[in-house]
Each structure stands twice: as structure tokens, then as C-alpha cells.
C-alpha atoms as a PDB file:
ATOM      1  CA  MET A   1       0.149   0.029  -0.007  1.00  0.00           C
ATOM      2  CA  ILE A   2       2.872   2.640   0.992  1.00  0.00           C
ATOM      3  CA  ALA A   3       4.681   1.745  -2.210  1.00  0.00           C
ATOM      4  CA  THR A   4       1.781   2.258  -4.546  1.00  0.00           C
ATOM      5  CA  PHE A   5       1.100   5.550  -3.032  1.00  0.00           C
ATOM      6  CA  PHE A   6       4.881   6.716  -3.171  1.00  0.00           C
ATOM      7  CA  ASN A   7       4.754   5.513  -6.606  1.00  0.00           C
ATOM      8  CA  LYS A   8       3.470   8.861  -7.598  1.00  0.00           C
ATOM      9  CA  SER A   9       4.908  12.678  -7.568  1.00  0.00           C
ATOM     10  CA  THR A  10       2.041  14.666  -7.176  1.00  0.00           C
ATOM     11  CA  PRO A  11       1.362  17.361  -4.462  1.00  0.00           C
ATOM     12  CA  LEU A  12      -0.271  15.031  -2.134  1.00  0.00           C
ATOM     13  CA  GLU A  13       2.921  12.382  -1.737  1.00  0.00           C
ATOM     14  CA  LYS A  14       5.223  15.389  -1.123  1.00  0.00           C
ATOM     15  CA  LEU A  15       2.781  16.889   1.477  1.00  0.00           C
ATOM     16  CA  SER A  16       2.647  13.469   3.135  1.00  0.00           C
ATOM     17  CA  VAL A  17       6.541  13.378   3.129  1.00  0.00           C
ATOM     18  CA  ILE A  18       6.677  16.933   4.668  1.00  0.00           C
ATOM     19  CA  ILE A  19       4.367  15.824   7.619  1.00  0.00           C
ATOM     20  CA  LEU A  20       6.417  12.408   8.359  1.00  0.00           C
ATOM     21  CA  LEU A  21       9.679  15.043   8.212  1.00  0.00           C
ATOM     22  CA  SER A  22       7.599  17.698  10.614  1.00  0.00           C
ATOM     23  CA  LEU A  23       7.231  14.592  12.843  1.00  0.00           C
ATOM     24  CA  VAL A  24      10.738  13.705  13.127  1.00  0.00           C
ATOM     25  CA  VAL A  25      11.605  17.095  13.998  1.00  0.00           C
ATOM     26  CA  ILE A  26       8.943  17.530  16.793  1.00  0.00           C
ATOM     27  CA  VAL A  27       9.958  13.698  18.048  1.00  0.00           C
ATOM     28  CA  ASP A  28      13.136  15.390  18.132  1.00  0.00           C
ATOM     29  CA  ILE A  29      12.276  18.663  20.211  1.00  0.00           C
ATOM     30  CA  PHE A  30      10.217  16.569  22.654  1.00  0.00           C
ATOM     31  CA  SER A  31      13.286  13.842  23.225  1.00  0.00           C
ATOM     32  CA  THR A  32      15.373  17.122  24.500  1.00  0.00           C
ATOM     33  CA  ASN A  33      15.976  17.644  27.997  1.00  0.00           C
ATOM     34  CA  ALA A  34      13.188  20.192  29.456  1.00  0.00           C
ATOM     35  CA  THR A  35      15.810  22.203  30.868  1.00  0.00           C
ATOM     36  CA  GLN A  36      17.109  23.185  27.338  1.00  0.00           C
ATOM     37  CA  PHE A  37      13.572  23.867  26.162  1.00  0.00           C
ATOM     38  CA  ASN A  38      13.039  27.556  25.688  1.00  0.00           C
ATOM     39  CA  PHE A  39      11.899  30.067  22.902  1.00  0.00           C
ATOM     40  CA  ILE A  40      15.459  30.307  21.317  1.00  0.00           C
ATOM     41  CA  PHE A  41      15.677  26.177  20.619  1.00  0.00           C
ATOM     42  CA  LEU A  42      12.447  26.027  19.478  1.00  0.00           C
ATOM     43  CA  VAL A  43      13.198  28.855  16.756  1.00  0.00           C
ATOM     44  CA  LYS A  44      16.721  27.118  16.114  1.00  0.00           C
ATOM     45  CA  LYS A  45      14.555  23.392  15.368  1.00  0.00           C
ATOM     46  CA  ILE A  46      12.236  25.336  12.909  1.00  0.00           C
ATOM     47  CA  ALA A  47      14.837  26.788  11.437  1.00  0.00           C
ATOM     48  CA  VAL A  48      16.631  23.367  11.229  1.00  0.00           C
ATOM     49  CA  PHE A  49      13.210  21.796   9.570  1.00  0.00           C
ATOM     50  CA  ILE A  50      13.045  24.691   6.675  1.00  0.00           C
ATOM     51  CA  PHE A  51      16.811  23.757   6.235  1.00  0.00           C
ATOM     52  CA  LEU A  52      15.911  20.066   5.665  1.00  0.00           C
ATOM     53  CA  LEU A  53      13.224  20.940   4.003  1.00  0.00           C
ATOM     54  CA  ILE A  54      15.312  22.590   1.347  1.00  0.00           C
ATOM     55  CA  ASN A  55      17.365  19.849   1.530  1.00  0.00           C
ATOM     56  CA  LEU A  56      14.676  17.297   0.610  1.00  0.00           C
ATOM     57  CA  PHE A  57      13.304  18.995  -2.500  1.00  0.00           C
ATOM     58  CA  LEU A  58      17.085  19.989  -3.805  1.00  0.00           C
ATOM     59  CA  VAL A  59      17.472  15.816  -3.754  1.00  0.00           C
ATOM     60  CA  GLN A  60      14.353  15.522  -5.537  1.00  0.00           C
ATOM     61  CA  PHE A  61      15.364  18.419  -8.048  1.00  0.00           C
ATOM     62  CA  ILE A  62      18.648  16.679  -8.560  1.00  0.00           C
ATOM     63  CA  SER A  63      17.017  13.179  -8.961  1.00  0.00           C
ATOM     64  CA  LYS A  64      14.122  14.187 -11.380  1.00  0.00           C
ATOM     65  CA  LYS A  65      16.364  16.938 -13.603  1.00  0.00           C
ATOM     66  CA  ASN A  66      18.849  14.394 -14.514  1.00  0.00           C
ATOM     67  CA  GLY A  67      16.556  11.089 -15.194  1.00  0.00           C
ATOM     68  CA  LEU A  68      17.857   9.316 -12.039  1.00  0.00           C
ATOM     69  CA  ARG A  69      14.240   7.909 -11.084  1.00  0.00           C
ATOM     70  CA  LYS A  70      11.211   7.649 -12.530  1.00  0.00           C
ATOM     71  CA  ASP A  71       7.965   9.735 -11.773  1.00  0.00           C
ATOM     72  CA  ASN A  72       7.891   8.639  -7.828  1.00  0.00           C
ATOM     73  CA  ALA A  73       8.576  10.156  -4.645  1.00  0.00           C
ATOM     74  CA  TYR A  74      10.359   7.076  -3.032  1.00  0.00           C
ATOM     75  CA  ASP A  75      13.630   9.236  -3.096  1.00  0.00           C
ATOM     76  CA  ILE A  76      12.476  11.882  -0.847  1.00  0.00           C
ATOM     77  CA  LEU A  77      10.495   9.439   1.564  1.00  0.00           C
ATOM     78  CA  LEU A  78      13.672   7.488   1.977  1.00  0.00           C
ATOM     79  CA  VAL A  79      15.705  10.528   2.610  1.00  0.00           C
ATOM     80  CA  VAL A  80      13.299  11.262   5.552  1.00  0.00           C
ATOM     81  CA  ILE A  81      13.600   7.322   6.702  1.00  0.00           C
ATOM     82  CA  PHE A  82      17.307   7.709   6.688  1.00  0.00           C
ATOM     83  CA  ILE A  83      17.192  11.006   9.248  1.00  0.00           C
ATOM     84  CA  ALA A  84      14.821   9.173  11.390  1.00  0.00           C
ATOM     85  CA  MET A  85      17.003   6.493  11.544  1.00  0.00           C
ATOM     86  CA  PHE A  86      20.182   8.780  12.519  1.00  0.00           C
ATOM     87  CA  PRO A  87      18.275  11.784  14.085  1.00  0.00           C
ATOM     88  CA  LEU A  88      21.810  13.038  15.079  1.00  0.00           C
ATOM     89  CA  THR A  89      22.192  14.350  11.569  1.00  0.00           C
ATOM     90  CA  ILE A  90      19.822  17.239  12.287  1.00  0.00           C
ATOM     91  CA  VAL A  91      21.792  18.312  15.350  1.00  0.00           C
ATOM     92  CA  ASN A  92      25.280  18.678  13.864  1.00  0.00           C
ATOM     93  CA  ASN A  93      24.948  21.820  12.603  1.00  0.00           C
ATOM     94  CA  THR A  94      28.483  21.622  10.775  1.00  0.00           C
ATOM     95  CA  ILE A  95      27.994  18.421   8.733  1.00  0.00           C
ATOM     96  CA  LEU A  96      24.432  19.431   7.501  1.00  0.00           C
ATOM     97  CA  VAL A  97      25.501  22.765   6.423  1.00  0.00           C
ATOM     98  CA  SER A  98      28.239  21.281   4.510  1.00  0.00           C
ATOM     99  CA  HIS A  99      25.771  18.416   3.063  1.00  0.00           C
ATOM    100  CA  PHE A 100      23.667  21.299   2.036  1.00  0.00           C
ATOM    101  CA  ILE A 101      26.851  22.940   0.053  1.00  0.00           C
ATOM    102  CA  LEU A 102      27.677  19.522  -1.323  1.00  0.00           C
ATOM    103  CA  LEU A 103      24.122  19.050  -2.608  1.00  0.00           C
ATOM    104  CA  LEU A 104      24.511  22.315  -4.911  1.00  0.00           C
ATOM    105  CA  ALA A 105      27.632  20.920  -6.025  1.00  0.00           C
ATOM    106  CA  PHE A 106      25.981  17.222  -6.855  1.00  0.00           C
ATOM    107  CA  ARG A 107      23.319  19.402  -8.643  1.00  0.00           C
ATOM    108  CA  ARG A 108      25.978  20.860 -11.356  1.00  0.00           C
ATOM    109  CA  THR A 109      27.723  17.590 -11.264  1.00  0.00           C
ATOM    110  CA  TYR A 110      24.978  15.308 -12.406  1.00  0.00           C
ATOM    111  CA  SER A 111      23.830  17.728 -14.608  1.00  0.00           C
ATOM    112  CA  LEU A 112      27.343  17.674 -17.112  1.00  0.00           C
ATOM    113  CA  ARG A 113      25.090  14.485 -18.520  1.00  0.00           C
ATOM    114  CA  THR A 114      24.359  17.276 -21.215  1.00  0.00           C
ATOM    115  CA  ILE A 115      26.471  19.216 -23.475  1.00  0.00           C
ATOM    116  CA  LYS A 116      25.520  22.563 -22.096  1.00  0.00           C
ATOM    117  CA  ASN A 117      27.809  24.727 -20.390  1.00  0.00           C
ATOM    118  CA  THR A 118      30.275  21.956 -19.130  1.00  0.00           C
ATOM    119  CA  LYS A 119      33.204  24.249 -17.776  1.00  0.00           C
ATOM    120  CA  GLU A 120      30.855  26.337 -16.038  1.00  0.00           C
ATOM    121  CA  LYS A 121      29.196  22.875 -14.251  1.00  0.00           C
ATOM    122  CA  LEU A 122      32.830  21.874 -13.597  1.00  0.00           C
ATOM    123  CA  PHE A 123      33.863  25.106 -12.093  1.00  0.00           C
ATOM    124  CA  ASP A 124      30.447  25.205 -10.252  1.00  0.00           C
ATOM    125  CA  SER A 125      30.494  22.161  -8.668  1.00  0.00           C
ATOM    126  CA  SER A 126      34.105  22.146  -7.660  1.00  0.00           C
ATOM    127  CA  PHE A 127      33.700  25.785  -6.324  1.00  0.00           C
ATOM    128  CA  TYR A 128      30.894  24.298  -3.973  1.00  0.00           C
ATOM    129  CA  ILE A 129      32.910  21.328  -3.026  1.00  0.00           C
ATOM    130  CA  GLY A 130      35.576  23.983  -1.986  1.00  0.00           C
ATOM    131  CA  LEU A 131      33.379  25.823   0.095  1.00  0.00           C
ATOM    132  CA  ALA A 132      31.788  22.666   1.937  1.00  0.00           C
ATOM    133  CA  ALA A 133      35.521  21.837   2.763  1.00  0.00           C
ATOM    134  CA  ILE A 134      35.870  25.087   4.563  1.00  0.00           C
ATOM    135  CA  ILE A 135      33.266  23.780   6.928  1.00  0.00           C
ATOM    136  CA  TYR A 136      33.876  20.212   7.152  1.00  0.00           C
ATOM    137  CA  PRO A 137      37.343  19.300   5.761  1.00  0.00           C
ATOM    138  CA  TRP A 138      36.706  15.927   4.703  1.00  0.00           C
ATOM    139  CA  SER A 139      34.126  17.083   2.289  1.00  0.00           C
ATOM    140  CA  ILE A 140      37.216  17.897  -0.166  1.00  0.00           C
ATOM    141  CA  PHE A 141      37.541  14.249  -1.239  1.00  0.00           C
ATOM    142  CA  TYR A 142      34.193  14.969  -2.873  1.00  0.00           C
ATOM    143  CA  LEU A 143      36.772  16.740  -5.608  1.00  0.00           C
ATOM    144  CA  PHE A 144      36.798  12.978  -7.161  1.00  0.00           C
ATOM    145  CA  LEU A 145      33.173  13.561  -8.112  1.00  0.00           C
ATOM    146  CA  PRO A 146      33.638  15.618 -10.996  1.00  0.00           C
ATOM    147  CA  TYR A 147      36.303  13.819 -12.507  1.00  0.00           C
ATOM    148  CA  SER A 148      34.383  10.932 -12.111  1.00  0.00           C
ATOM    149  CA  ALA A 149      31.850  13.001 -13.950  1.00  0.00           C
ATOM    150  CA  ILE A 150      34.095  13.639 -16.758  1.00  0.00           C
ATOM    151  CA  ILE A 151      35.006   9.930 -17.497  1.00  0.00           C
ATOM    152  CA  ALA A 152      31.167   9.034 -16.994  1.00  0.00           C
ATOM    153  CA  PHE A 153      29.845  11.357 -19.689  1.00  0.00           C
ATOM    154  CA  ASN A 154      33.397  11.253 -21.890  1.00  0.00           C
ATOM    155  CA  LYS A 155      34.326  15.119 -21.422  1.00  0.00           C
ATOM    156  CA  ARG A 156      37.919  14.197 -21.085  1.00  0.00           C
ATOM    157  CA  THR A 157      39.976  17.558 -22.011  1.00  0.00           C
ATOM    158  CA  VAL A 158      43.004  19.041 -20.711  1.00  0.00           C
ATOM    159  CA  ARG A 159      40.957  22.276 -19.561  1.00  0.00           C
ATOM    160  CA  ASN A 160      37.913  20.349 -18.221  1.00  0.00           C
ATOM    161  CA  VAL A 161      40.780  18.333 -16.129  1.00  0.00           C
ATOM    162  CA  ILE A 162      42.409  21.788 -14.815  1.00  0.00           C
ATOM    163  CA  ILE A 163      39.063  23.324 -13.929  1.00  0.00           C
ATOM    164  CA  PRO A 164      37.617  21.361 -10.859  1.00  0.00           C
ATOM    165  CA  LEU A 165      41.270  22.201  -9.259  1.00  0.00           C
ATOM    166  CA  VAL A 166      40.930  25.855  -9.985  1.00  0.00           C
ATOM    167  CA  GLY A 167      37.329  25.754  -8.619  1.00  0.00           C
ATOM    168  CA  VAL A 168      37.992  24.092  -5.121  1.00  0.00           C
ATOM    169  CA  ILE A 169      41.044  26.298  -4.860  1.00  0.00           C
ATOM    170  CA  THR A 170      39.081  29.893  -5.280  1.00  0.00           C
ATOM    171  CA  PRO A 171      37.003  29.662  -2.242  1.00  0.00           C
ATOM    172  CA  ILE A 172      39.931  28.541  -0.217  1.00  0.00           C
ATOM    173  CA  ILE A 173      42.039  31.036  -1.217  1.00  0.00           C
ATOM    174  CA  ILE A 174      39.099  33.483  -0.788  1.00  0.00           C
ATOM    175  CA  TYR A 175      38.524  32.595   2.694  1.00  0.00           C
ATOM    176  CA  GLY A 176      42.802  32.457   3.567  1.00  0.00           C
ATOM    177  CA  THR A 177      42.631  36.216   2.030  1.00  0.00           C
ATOM    178  CA  TYR A 178      40.053  37.176   4.514  1.00  0.00           C
ATOM    179  CA  LEU A 179      41.627  35.543   7.592  1.00  0.00           C
ATOM    180  CA  PHE A 180      44.979  37.031   6.599  1.00  0.00           C
ATOM    181  CA  LEU A 181      42.989  40.677   6.623  1.00  0.00           C
ATOM    182  CA  THR A 182      41.382  40.156   9.597  1.00  0.00           C
ATOM    183  CA  ASP A 183      44.656  38.619  11.484  1.00  0.00           C
ATOM    184  CA  ASN A 184      42.659  35.546  11.877  1.00  0.00           C
ATOM    185  CA  PHE A 185      45.178  33.525   9.580  1.00  0.00           C
ATOM    186  CA  GLU A 186      46.114  30.919  12.102  1.00  0.00           C
ATOM    187  CA  LYS A 187      42.455  29.731  11.507  1.00  0.00           C
ATOM    188  CA  ALA A 188      43.670  28.779   7.984  1.00  0.00           C
ATOM    189  CA  TYR A 189      45.693  25.940   9.448  1.00  0.00           C
ATOM    190  CA  VAL A 190      43.337  22.556   8.842  1.00  0.00           C
ATOM    191  CA  GLN A 191      44.034  19.496  10.287  1.00  0.00           C
ATOM    192  CA  LEU A 192      41.837  16.380   9.199  1.00  0.00           C
ATOM    193  CA  ASP A 193      41.053  14.680  12.309  1.00  0.00           C
ATOM    194  CA  THR A 194      40.291  11.036  11.786  1.00  0.00           C
ATOM    195  CA  SER A 195      38.760   8.276  13.869  1.00  0.00           C
ATOM    196  CA  LEU A 196      38.863   4.576  13.179  1.00  0.00           C
ATOM    197  CA  SER A 197      36.683   3.777  16.384  1.00  0.00           C
ATOM    198  CA  PHE A 198      33.680   2.149  15.527  1.00  0.00           C
ATOM    199  CA  GLY A 199      32.801   1.004  19.144  1.00  0.00           C
ATOM    200  CA  THR A 200      29.717   3.212  18.991  1.00  0.00           C
ATOM    201  CA  TYR A 201      28.106   1.629  16.056  1.00  0.00           C
ATOM    202  CA  ASN A 202      27.505  -1.513  18.845  1.00  0.00           C
ATOM    203  CA  SER A 203      24.996   0.384  20.375  1.00  0.00           C
ATOM    204  CA  LEU A 204      21.632  -0.969  19.231  1.00  0.00           C
ATOM    205  CA  LEU A 205      20.617   2.414  18.466  1.00  0.00           C
ATOM    206  CA  LEU A 206      23.193   2.528  15.414  1.00  0.00           C
ATOM    207  CA  LEU A 207      23.850  -1.295  14.501  1.00  0.00           C
ATOM    208  CA  LEU A 208      20.066  -1.608  13.385  1.00  0.00           C
ATOM    209  CA  PRO A 209      20.029   0.829  10.839  1.00  0.00           C
ATOM    210  CA  ILE A 210      23.407   0.176   9.483  1.00  0.00           C
ATOM    211  CA  THR A 211      23.100  -3.222   9.620  1.00  0.00           C
ATOM    212  CA  LEU A 212      19.824  -2.804   7.319  1.00  0.00           C
ATOM    213  CA  ILE A 213      21.134  -0.432   5.209  1.00  0.00           C
ATOM    214  CA  LEU A 214      24.193  -2.305   4.808  1.00  0.00           C
ATOM    215  CA  GLY A 215      22.155  -5.797   4.062  1.00  0.00           C
ATOM    216  CA  PHE A 216      19.652  -4.049   1.711  1.00  0.00           C
ATOM    217  CA  LEU A 217      22.623  -2.291  -0.220  1.00  0.00           C
ATOM    218  CA  ILE A 218      24.191  -5.726  -1.086  1.00  0.00           C
ATOM    219  CA  TRP A 219      20.980  -7.113  -1.858  1.00  0.00           C
ATOM    220  CA  THR A 220      20.116  -3.975  -4.326  1.00  0.00           C
ATOM    221  CA  ILE A 221      22.900  -3.171  -5.885  1.00  0.00           C
ATOM    222  CA  PHE A 222      23.995  -5.691  -7.656  1.00  0.00           C
ATOM    223  CA  PRO A 223      20.858  -6.650  -9.765  1.00  0.00           C
ATOM    224  CA  THR A 224      20.167  -3.214 -10.117  1.00  0.00           C
ATOM    225  CA  THR A 225      23.269  -2.293 -11.642  1.00  0.00           C
ATOM    226  CA  ILE A 226      23.450  -5.152 -13.878  1.00  0.00           C
ATOM    227  CA  LYS A 227      19.665  -4.595 -15.093  1.00  0.00           C
ATOM    228  CA  ILE A 228      20.654  -0.457 -15.832  1.00  0.00           C
ATOM    229  CA  ILE A 229      23.694  -1.426 -17.919  1.00  0.00           C
ATOM    230  CA  THR A 230      22.347  -3.965 -19.918  1.00  0.00           C
ATOM    231  CA  VAL A 231      18.991  -2.379 -20.471  1.00  0.00           C
ATOM    232  CA  ASN A 232      18.625   1.136 -19.805  1.00  0.00           C
ATOM    233  CA  ASN A 233      21.149   3.019 -21.890  1.00  0.00           C
ATOM    234  CA  GLU A 234      20.074   6.526 -20.635  1.00  0.00           C
ATOM    235  CA  LEU A 235      20.808   6.286 -17.120  1.00  0.00           C
ATOM    236  CA  LYS A 236      23.804   3.988 -17.445  1.00  0.00           C
ATOM    237  CA  ASN A 237      26.591   6.860 -17.597  1.00  0.00           C
ATOM    238  CA  SER A 238      24.834   8.712 -14.599  1.00  0.00           C
ATOM    239  CA  TRP A 239      24.762   5.028 -12.471  1.00  0.00           C
ATOM    240  CA  TYR A 240      28.356   4.996 -12.972  1.00  0.00           C
ATOM    241  CA  LEU A 241      28.451   8.423 -11.585  1.00  0.00           C
ATOM    242  CA  ILE A 242      25.887   7.454  -8.624  1.00  0.00           C
ATOM    243  CA  LEU A 243      28.115   4.368  -8.013  1.00  0.00           C
ATOM    244  CA  SER A 244      31.401   6.461  -7.621  1.00  0.00           C
ATOM    245  CA  HIS A 245      29.369   8.817  -5.199  1.00  0.00           C
ATOM    246  CA  LEU A 246      28.652   6.038  -2.994  1.00  0.00           C
ATOM    247  CA  VAL A 247      32.087   5.013  -2.674  1.00  0.00           C
ATOM    248  CA  ILE A 248      33.248   8.587  -2.184  1.00  0.00           C
ATOM    249  CA  SER A 249      30.891   8.821   0.489  1.00  0.00           C
ATOM    250  CA  ILE A 250      31.734   5.706   2.424  1.00  0.00           C
ATOM    251  CA  PHE A 251      35.584   6.891   2.092  1.00  0.00           C
ATOM    252  CA  ILE A 252      34.840  10.045   3.805  1.00  0.00           C
ATOM    253  CA  MET A 253      32.234   8.808   6.271  1.00  0.00           C
ATOM    254  CA  ILE A 254      34.759   5.932   7.647  1.00  0.00           C
ATOM    255  CA  PRO A 255      37.667   8.013   8.784  1.00  0.00           C
ATOM    256  CA  SER A 256      35.555  10.742   9.939  1.00  0.00           C
ATOM    257  CA  PRO A 257      36.144  12.105  13.663  1.00  0.00           C
ATOM    258  CA  VAL A 258      32.173  12.163  14.053  1.00  0.00           C
ATOM    259  CA  LYS A 259      31.144   8.457  14.918  1.00  0.00           C
ATOM    260  CA  ASN A 260      27.602   8.919  16.091  1.00  0.00           C
ATOM    261  CA  GLY A 261      25.247   8.532  13.171  1.00  0.00           C
ATOM    262  CA  ALA A 262      25.470  11.924  11.797  1.00  0.00           C
ATOM    263  CA  GLU A 263      28.124  11.033   9.268  1.00  0.00           C
ATOM    264  CA  PHE A 264      25.907   8.801   7.513  1.00  0.00           C
ATOM    265  CA  ILE A 265      24.218  12.054   5.935  1.00  0.00           C
ATOM    266  CA  PHE A 266      26.761  11.426   3.307  1.00  0.00           C
ATOM    267  CA  LEU A 267      25.331   8.521   2.162  1.00  0.00           C
ATOM    268  CA  PHE A 268      21.550   9.498   2.175  1.00  0.00           C
ATOM    269  CA  PHE A 269      21.548  10.648  -1.614  1.00  0.00           C
ATOM    270  CA  PRO A 270      23.475   7.813  -3.308  1.00  0.00           C
ATOM    271  CA  LEU A 271      21.633   5.302  -1.308  1.00  0.00           C
ATOM    272  CA  ALA A 272      18.099   6.744  -1.977  1.00  0.00           C
ATOM    273  CA  ILE A 273      19.048   7.062  -5.800  1.00  0.00           C
ATOM    274  CA  ILE A 274      19.895   3.552  -5.611  1.00  0.00           C
ATOM    275  CA  PHE A 275      17.106   2.033  -3.422  1.00  0.00           C
ATOM    276  CA  THR A 276      14.561   3.574  -5.780  1.00  0.00           C
ATOM    277  CA  ASN A 277      15.868   2.487  -8.882  1.00  0.00           C
ATOM    278  CA  TYR A 278      15.649  -1.465  -7.108  1.00  0.00           C
ATOM    279  CA  LEU A 279      12.319  -0.647  -6.138  1.00  0.00           C
ATOM    280  CA  GLN A 280      11.406   0.750  -9.766  1.00  0.00           C
ATOM    281  CA  LEU A 281      12.606  -2.619 -11.311  1.00  0.00           C
ATOM    282  CA  VAL A 282      10.695  -4.880  -8.766  1.00  0.00           C
ATOM    283  CA  ASN A 283       7.467  -5.800 -10.065  1.00  0.00           C
ATOM    284  CA  GLU A 284       6.175  -7.627  -6.997  1.00  0.00           C
ATOM    285  CA  LYS A 285       3.979  -4.752  -5.001  1.00  0.00           C
ATOM    286  CA  TRP A 286       3.653  -6.726  -1.700  1.00  0.00           C
ATOM    287  CA  PHE A 287       7.733  -7.035  -1.664  1.00  0.00           C
ATOM    288  CA  LYS A 288       8.266  -3.030  -2.288  1.00  0.00           C
ATOM    289  CA  ASP A 289       5.549  -2.592   0.574  1.00  0.00           C
ATOM    290  CA  VAL A 290       7.819  -4.936   2.854  1.00  0.00           C
ATOM    291  CA  PHE A 291      11.048  -3.147   1.966  1.00  0.00           C
ATOM    292  CA  LEU A 292       9.309   0.223   3.055  1.00  0.00           C
ATOM    293  CA  TYR A 293       7.693  -0.762   6.421  1.00  0.00           C
ATOM    294  CA  ILE A 294      10.951  -2.676   7.275  1.00  0.00           C
ATOM    295  CA  PHE A 295      12.790   0.834   6.742  1.00  0.00           C
ATOM    296  CA  LEU A 296       9.715   2.710   8.406  1.00  0.00           C
ATOM    297  CA  ALA A 297      10.168   0.187  11.458  1.00  0.00           C
ATOM    298  CA  VAL A 298      13.399   0.533  12.011  1.00  0.00           C
ATOM    299  CA  ALA A 299      13.668   4.176  12.126  1.00  0.00           C
ATOM    300  CA  VAL A 300      10.469   4.236  14.682  1.00  0.00           C
ATOM    301  CA  LEU A 301      12.132   1.593  17.056  1.00  0.00           C
ATOM    302  CA  GLY A 302      15.226   3.764  17.184  1.00  0.00           C
ATOM    303  CA  TYR A 303      13.099   6.421  19.317  1.00  0.00           C
ATOM    304  CA  PHE A 304      12.131   3.576  21.926  1.00  0.00           C
ATOM    305  CA  LEU A 305      15.751   2.067  22.242  1.00  0.00           C
END
């Protein structure tokens, strides 16, 4: 039933996703210690909700505009479920803002599939990546994504290879100049803090969603990839980029100094696209329902653990 409902992308489905997102934020508000609850706190949570809403429809814009999925609302539904699974993603402002800027970069990167404004898109996407790296340094490794797009969409020229380097360094130079002029240049020193301690993932709150996502990713990625590569020529090149996106996101997430679930936000976009395409290929409606209900159940269960 739920799969049939979200198999369309009309205002009703979008409104339902907005309601689900608002419920996630409301539950987060009432899960807060009473001593922290005040007017300023409430205003901040409303701002976070609006920010998440913008993120959500930016995800939908990227996927729809670039033909990454059919006309349905599975992608944004899955993103909301992922947020519910990892509620600390809406608490860590650094990662949240960095991810939003990266979505702007992804918007330009995936649009490289067309022949228009290739150089501008390469510069814009890498510029946003550089901007995100100022906020969250590990984001710099998304610079590999424009180069993956250059390969996937066959845009290999000397100029196209150089442009992303120019784009990513531009905001860093501007920021460094600002720090120098304001006598704060010592802040320009960036250290990539790392953590390879995964002990926090042993808690049931994180272990359940991580196991579920990893299990379904292994279950879905191979048959979906084979089907798209052999049948869907239109999506094939973009699919290579999505897989590259997934690998880069995992690489960034693993050494991240944050190990509370907030770092999984970098996986939300590629996972949503991969799972959406899998659901589109499945003919059995009951299996689609089971798939989505399991994700919803784990998301809801997390608030009782």
C-alpha cells in the first residue's frame, strides 16, 4: 500500500513526506531535556526543519532533473526515513550545512550529462566542494566526483581536467585572504581529524539501521546495476557516477572524527537513488511494501531504544 501511494510524485505525496519530516523534528524536540527547552531552542529547531525541507526538495530536483529515477516520491521518502534512523544528523550543524552545500555541487555535477555549459558546471561544482571543505574538511574528497563525471560522460579534455582544481581552490584562497586581512590567519591551518574507532556502532540504536542499510545495499546494488547497464542506456552513464558517489561517501564517512550516526548523511543521496531504482525494477508490489515498512519500522524503533 505504501509503495503504491509513493509510486507517484504529486503534491499529495510531497505533502505526506513533509508531514513525516515534521514528525521527525517534533519527536526530536520533545526528546530534548526539559532544561534546554526555551524559545530560542524552538526557533532553532524550526530553522532546522526549513533547512531540511530545502535539502529534501533539492534532492528531488537533482534526481528528477537528471533522470536518476522515474516519476515517484521514493527518493525523498527514503531520505526522510534515513534522517529518522540517524536523528543526530539534524543536531550536527557543521555536517548539515556542509552537506547542503555539497548538494549544490551534486546538482551541477550530475547535470554534466548534457552538453551545455560543461566548463561552468565543472567550476561551480568544484567551487561548492571547496566551500563545503572549509566547513567540514573531509568534504574535499568529493573533488573526485567531478572527475568521475568527466570520465562517465566522456568529457575528457585538458581544460576540463584543470577547471575542478581551479574551482576548488578559489573559495579556499578567498577564505584564506579574509583570514589574513582580519589577522586570523592561524585559523587557515586545517587538520584532518580522523577516528577509526567504531565502538559507538555497537549500540543497538546505530547497529540496527547500519545493518539494515548494509544488508539491503548488498541485496539491491548488483541486480540493479546489471539491469541498468544492460537495458537502460539513458541512465547507464549517470549510474556509474552514482556508484562513484557512493564509494566516495563511504571513504569520507569511515575516517570521520564524528561517529554518532551524523556522518551517514553523506550516504543519504546515493542510497536513496540506488534503493529507488531497485524499487522501480521490482514487479511485486507486496515486496516493495515490505521493503519500505521494514525501513519505517527500524526508524520508529530507534526512538524507543
